[in-house]
């Protein structure tokens, strides 16, 4: 799955609910998932780590959708002029 497909899937599955929740709440959920990923990286199994990476990607895609930003657009600077 590429980034465009990820964003499309998240919009199809959760877009209406995500927009109703709004950006501030989505940022809070993303932050919570990042914390869960950090814990899984430190102490979790590979299965838990894969699960949490998926959750973070899903919430990041949801936030980008709400903001009208594509993840491809966000990553382009790493192609053009990596920091």
C-alpha atoms as a PDB file:
ATOM      1  CA  UNK A   1       0.000   0.000   0.000  1.00  0.00           C
ATOM      2  CA  UNK A   2       1.351   3.430  -0.855  1.00  0.00           C
ATOM      3  CA  UNK A   3       0.704   6.675   0.984  1.00  0.00           C
ATOM      4  CA  UNK A   4      -2.106   7.789  -1.324  1.00  0.00           C
ATOM      5  CA  UNK A   5      -3.879   4.474  -0.852  1.00  0.00           C
ATOM      6  CA  UNK A   6      -3.400   4.738   2.918  1.00  0.00           C
ATOM      7  CA  UNK A   7      -5.026   8.157   3.037  1.00  0.00           C
ATOM      8  CA  UNK A   8      -7.851   7.039   0.759  1.00  0.00           C
ATOM      9  CA  UNK A   9      -8.525   3.969   2.915  1.00  0.00           C
ATOM     10  CA  UNK A  10      -8.551   5.983   6.121  1.00  0.00           C
ATOM     11  CA  UNK A  11     -10.958   8.477   4.581  1.00  0.00           C
ATOM     12  CA  UNK A  12     -13.273   5.708   3.385  1.00  0.00           C
ATOM     13  CA  UNK A  13     -13.236   3.903   6.727  1.00  0.00           C
ATOM     14  CA  UNK A  14     -13.163   6.781   9.200  1.00  0.00           C
ATOM     15  CA  UNK A  15     -13.325  10.099   7.342  1.00  0.00           C
ATOM     16  CA  UNK A  16     -16.791  11.138   8.463  1.00  0.00           C
ATOM     17  CA  UNK A  17     -16.105  10.327  12.121  1.00  0.00           C
ATOM     18  CA  UNK A  18     -12.642  11.881  11.969  1.00  0.00           C
ATOM     19  CA  UNK A  19     -13.970  15.160  10.586  1.00  0.00           C
ATOM     20  CA  UNK A  20     -16.679  15.221  13.260  1.00  0.00           C
ATOM     21  CA  UNK A  21     -14.021  14.637  15.960  1.00  0.00           C
ATOM     22  CA  UNK A  22     -11.899  17.490  14.601  1.00  0.00           C
ATOM     23  CA  UNK A  23      -8.226  18.291  14.395  1.00  0.00           C
ATOM     24  CA  UNK A  24      -7.485  18.955  18.108  1.00  0.00           C
ATOM     25  CA  UNK A  25      -8.914  15.598  19.178  1.00  0.00           C
ATOM     26  CA  UNK A  26      -7.160  13.812  16.344  1.00  0.00           C
ATOM     27  CA  UNK A  27      -3.844  15.323  17.424  1.00  0.00           C
ATOM     28  CA  UNK A  28      -4.519  14.065  20.963  1.00  0.00           C
ATOM     29  CA  UNK A  29      -5.231  10.545  19.676  1.00  0.00           C
ATOM     30  CA  UNK A  30      -2.079  10.624  17.534  1.00  0.00           C
ATOM     31  CA  UNK A  31      -0.007  11.683  20.549  1.00  0.00           C
ATOM     32  CA  UNK A  32      -1.490   8.834  22.589  1.00  0.00           C
ATOM     33  CA  UNK A  33      -0.666   6.350  19.845  1.00  0.00           C
ATOM     34  CA  UNK A  34       2.907   7.676  19.646  1.00  0.00           C
ATOM     35  CA  UNK A  35       3.243   6.991  23.359  1.00  0.00           C
ATOM     36  CA  UNK A  36       1.952   3.460  22.859  1.00  0.00           C
ATOM     37  CA  UNK A  37       4.430   2.974  20.011  1.00  0.00           C
ATOM     38  CA  UNK A  38       7.292   4.191  22.208  1.00  0.00           C
ATOM     39  CA  UNK A  39       6.316   1.699  24.891  1.00  0.00           C
ATOM     40  CA  UNK A  40       6.034  -1.127  22.350  1.00  0.00           C
ATOM     41  CA  UNK A  41       9.456  -0.279  20.914  1.00  0.00           C
ATOM     42  CA  UNK A  42      11.002  -0.386  24.383  1.00  0.00           C
ATOM     43  CA  UNK A  43       9.233  -3.406  25.851  1.00  0.00           C
ATOM     44  CA  UNK A  44       6.859  -4.925  23.335  1.00  0.00           C
ATOM     45  CA  UNK A  45       6.903  -7.910  21.057  1.00  0.00           C
ATOM     46  CA  UNK A  46       7.323  -7.534  17.322  1.00  0.00           C
ATOM     47  CA  UNK A  47       3.582  -8.149  16.944  1.00  0.00           C
ATOM     48  CA  UNK A  48       2.815  -5.285  19.351  1.00  0.00           C
ATOM     49  CA  UNK A  49       5.288  -3.019  17.556  1.00  0.00           C
ATOM     50  CA  UNK A  50       3.727  -3.736  14.152  1.00  0.00           C
ATOM     51  CA  UNK A  51       0.284  -3.047  15.642  1.00  0.00           C
ATOM     52  CA  UNK A  52       1.361   0.313  17.089  1.00  0.00           C
ATOM     53  CA  UNK A  53       3.173   1.384  13.914  1.00  0.00           C
ATOM     54  CA  UNK A  54      -0.100   0.761  12.088  1.00  0.00           C
ATOM     55  CA  UNK A  55      -2.062   2.810  14.612  1.00  0.00           C
ATOM     56  CA  UNK A  56       0.348   5.745  14.310  1.00  0.00           C
ATOM     57  CA  UNK A  57       0.212   5.649  10.514  1.00  0.00           C
ATOM     58  CA  UNK A  58      -3.583   5.499  10.583  1.00  0.00           C
ATOM     59  CA  UNK A  59      -3.937   8.514  12.895  1.00  0.00           C
ATOM     60  CA  UNK A  60      -1.269  10.447  10.969  1.00  0.00           C
ATOM     61  CA  UNK A  61      -3.138   9.799   7.710  1.00  0.00           C
ATOM     62  CA  UNK A  62      -6.395  10.873   9.367  1.00  0.00           C
ATOM     63  CA  UNK A  63      -4.855  14.125  10.566  1.00  0.00           C
ATOM     64  CA  UNK A  64      -3.319  14.828   7.164  1.00  0.00           C
ATOM     65  CA  UNK A  65      -6.693  14.213   5.513  1.00  0.00           C
ATOM     66  CA  UNK A  66      -8.381  16.685   7.838  1.00  0.00           C
ATOM     67  CA  UNK A  67      -5.699  19.275   7.141  1.00  0.00           C
ATOM     68  CA  UNK A  68      -5.878  18.820   3.360  1.00  0.00           C
ATOM     69  CA  UNK A  69      -2.262  17.659   3.201  1.00  0.00           C
ATOM     70  CA  UNK A  70      -1.087  14.567   1.387  1.00  0.00           C
ATOM     71  CA  UNK A  71       1.584  12.456   3.024  1.00  0.00           C
ATOM     72  CA  UNK A  72       3.325  12.402  -0.367  1.00  0.00           C
ATOM     73  CA  UNK A  73       3.493  16.194  -0.206  1.00  0.00           C
ATOM     74  CA  UNK A  74       4.814  16.065   3.350  1.00  0.00           C
ATOM     75  CA  UNK A  75       7.579  13.630   2.386  1.00  0.00           C
ATOM     76  CA  UNK A  76       8.640  15.404  -0.800  1.00  0.00           C
ATOM     77  CA  UNK A  77      11.312  17.477   0.941  1.00  0.00           C
ATOM     78  CA  UNK A  78      13.103  14.234   1.803  1.00  0.00           C
ATOM     79  CA  UNK A  79      13.234  13.523  -1.925  1.00  0.00           C
ATOM     80  CA  UNK A  80      14.152  17.034  -3.051  1.00  0.00           C
ATOM     81  CA  UNK A  81      16.513  18.241  -0.326  1.00  0.00           C
ATOM     82  CA  UNK A  82      16.855  15.924   2.689  1.00  0.00           C
ATOM     83  CA  UNK A  83      17.544  17.778   5.936  1.00  0.00           C
END
